[in-house]
């Protein structure tokens, strides 16, 4: 339930921001976007800094799919 709610709030805020003609409406849409999106971006950046090396090492060790031989 959380993901559909977040997607709805973000998409509605973007639409409101693009259509808004009064400054208070623009400010409200910006505040909603900042409050919802910024924590997610900060978490993703922190996660990548902590765990990103594992993913890049793991993908570097794995041979490309096209070179893997299939034995029957």
C-alpha atoms as a PDB file:
ATOM      1  CA  UNK A   1       0.000   0.000   0.000  1.00  0.00           C
ATOM      2  CA  UNK A   2       2.866   2.373   0.682  1.00  0.00           C
ATOM      3  CA  UNK A   3       4.348   2.319  -2.819  1.00  0.00           C
ATOM      4  CA  UNK A   4       1.085   3.125  -4.647  1.00  0.00           C
ATOM      5  CA  UNK A   5       0.466   5.953  -2.188  1.00  0.00           C
ATOM      6  CA  UNK A   6       3.946   7.399  -2.735  1.00  0.00           C
ATOM      7  CA  UNK A   7       3.635   7.144  -6.511  1.00  0.00           C
ATOM      8  CA  UNK A   8       0.250   8.864  -6.363  1.00  0.00           C
ATOM      9  CA  UNK A   9       1.520  11.674  -4.138  1.00  0.00           C
ATOM     10  CA  UNK A  10       4.622  12.302  -6.250  1.00  0.00           C
ATOM     11  CA  UNK A  11       2.765  12.227  -9.565  1.00  0.00           C
ATOM     12  CA  UNK A  12       0.001  14.478  -8.242  1.00  0.00           C
ATOM     13  CA  UNK A  13       2.562  16.936  -6.852  1.00  0.00           C
ATOM     14  CA  UNK A  14       4.430  17.052 -10.159  1.00  0.00           C
ATOM     15  CA  UNK A  15       1.179  17.687 -12.016  1.00  0.00           C
ATOM     16  CA  UNK A  16       0.181  20.386  -9.531  1.00  0.00           C
ATOM     17  CA  UNK A  17       3.602  21.998  -9.836  1.00  0.00           C
ATOM     18  CA  UNK A  18       3.399  22.069 -13.626  1.00  0.00           C
ATOM     19  CA  UNK A  19      -0.161  23.447 -13.651  1.00  0.00           C
ATOM     20  CA  UNK A  20       0.041  25.802 -10.680  1.00  0.00           C
ATOM     21  CA  UNK A  21      -0.468  29.472 -11.399  1.00  0.00           C
ATOM     22  CA  UNK A  22      -0.383  30.844  -7.872  1.00  0.00           C
ATOM     23  CA  UNK A  23       2.810  30.848  -5.780  1.00  0.00           C
ATOM     24  CA  UNK A  24       1.187  29.144  -2.741  1.00  0.00           C
ATOM     25  CA  UNK A  25       0.111  26.194  -4.895  1.00  0.00           C
ATOM     26  CA  UNK A  26       3.626  25.910  -6.339  1.00  0.00           C
ATOM     27  CA  UNK A  27       5.142  26.079  -2.861  1.00  0.00           C
ATOM     28  CA  UNK A  28       2.816  23.364  -1.573  1.00  0.00           C
ATOM     29  CA  UNK A  29       3.711  21.028  -4.442  1.00  0.00           C
ATOM     30  CA  UNK A  30       7.435  21.680  -3.922  1.00  0.00           C
ATOM     31  CA  UNK A  31       7.185  21.007  -0.191  1.00  0.00           C
ATOM     32  CA  UNK A  32       5.400  17.714  -0.791  1.00  0.00           C
ATOM     33  CA  UNK A  33       8.022  16.659  -3.335  1.00  0.00           C
ATOM     34  CA  UNK A  34      10.922  17.595  -1.063  1.00  0.00           C
ATOM     35  CA  UNK A  35       9.412  15.857   1.962  1.00  0.00           C
ATOM     36  CA  UNK A  36       8.710  12.660   0.023  1.00  0.00           C
ATOM     37  CA  UNK A  37      11.627  12.431  -2.425  1.00  0.00           C
ATOM     38  CA  UNK A  38      14.580  13.848  -0.471  1.00  0.00           C
ATOM     39  CA  UNK A  39      14.686  11.190   2.289  1.00  0.00           C
ATOM     40  CA  UNK A  40      14.563   8.433  -0.336  1.00  0.00           C
ATOM     41  CA  UNK A  41      17.395   9.992  -2.303  1.00  0.00           C
ATOM     42  CA  UNK A  42      19.501  10.456   0.818  1.00  0.00           C
ATOM     43  CA  UNK A  43      18.894   6.852   1.855  1.00  0.00           C
ATOM     44  CA  UNK A  44      19.772   5.567  -1.652  1.00  0.00           C
ATOM     45  CA  UNK A  45      23.002   7.574  -1.670  1.00  0.00           C
ATOM     46  CA  UNK A  46      23.989   6.312   1.783  1.00  0.00           C
ATOM     47  CA  UNK A  47      23.135   2.735   0.827  1.00  0.00           C
ATOM     48  CA  UNK A  48      25.161   2.945  -2.382  1.00  0.00           C
ATOM     49  CA  UNK A  49      28.172   4.398  -0.567  1.00  0.00           C
ATOM     50  CA  UNK A  50      28.035   1.555   1.943  1.00  0.00           C
ATOM     51  CA  UNK A  51      27.113  -1.399  -0.297  1.00  0.00           C
ATOM     52  CA  UNK A  52      27.827  -0.323  -3.876  1.00  0.00           C
ATOM     53  CA  UNK A  53      31.298  -1.857  -3.978  1.00  0.00           C
ATOM     54  CA  UNK A  54      29.836  -5.298  -3.316  1.00  0.00           C
ATOM     55  CA  UNK A  55      27.586  -5.031  -6.333  1.00  0.00           C
ATOM     56  CA  UNK A  56      30.318  -3.809  -8.661  1.00  0.00           C
ATOM     57  CA  UNK A  57      32.728  -6.545  -7.477  1.00  0.00           C
ATOM     58  CA  UNK A  58      30.059  -9.202  -7.851  1.00  0.00           C
ATOM     59  CA  UNK A  59      29.170  -8.101 -11.373  1.00  0.00           C
ATOM     60  CA  UNK A  60      32.861  -7.907 -12.352  1.00  0.00           C
ATOM     61  CA  UNK A  61      33.463 -11.525 -11.274  1.00  0.00           C
ATOM     62  CA  UNK A  62      30.457 -12.939 -13.082  1.00  0.00           C
ATOM     63  CA  UNK A  63      31.190 -13.948 -16.693  1.00  0.00           C
ATOM     64  CA  UNK A  64      28.931 -12.494 -19.362  1.00  0.00           C
ATOM     65  CA  UNK A  65      25.908 -14.642 -20.161  1.00  0.00           C
ATOM     66  CA  UNK A  66      27.027 -15.209 -23.752  1.00  0.00           C
ATOM     67  CA  UNK A  67      30.257 -16.971 -22.715  1.00  0.00           C
ATOM     68  CA  UNK A  68      28.654 -19.440 -20.335  1.00  0.00           C
ATOM     69  CA  UNK A  69      28.711 -22.938 -21.816  1.00  0.00           C
ATOM     70  CA  UNK A  70      25.582 -25.019 -21.433  1.00  0.00           C
ATOM     71  CA  UNK A  71      26.274 -28.725 -20.847  1.00  0.00           C
ATOM     72  CA  UNK A  72      23.620 -31.233 -21.730  1.00  0.00           C
END
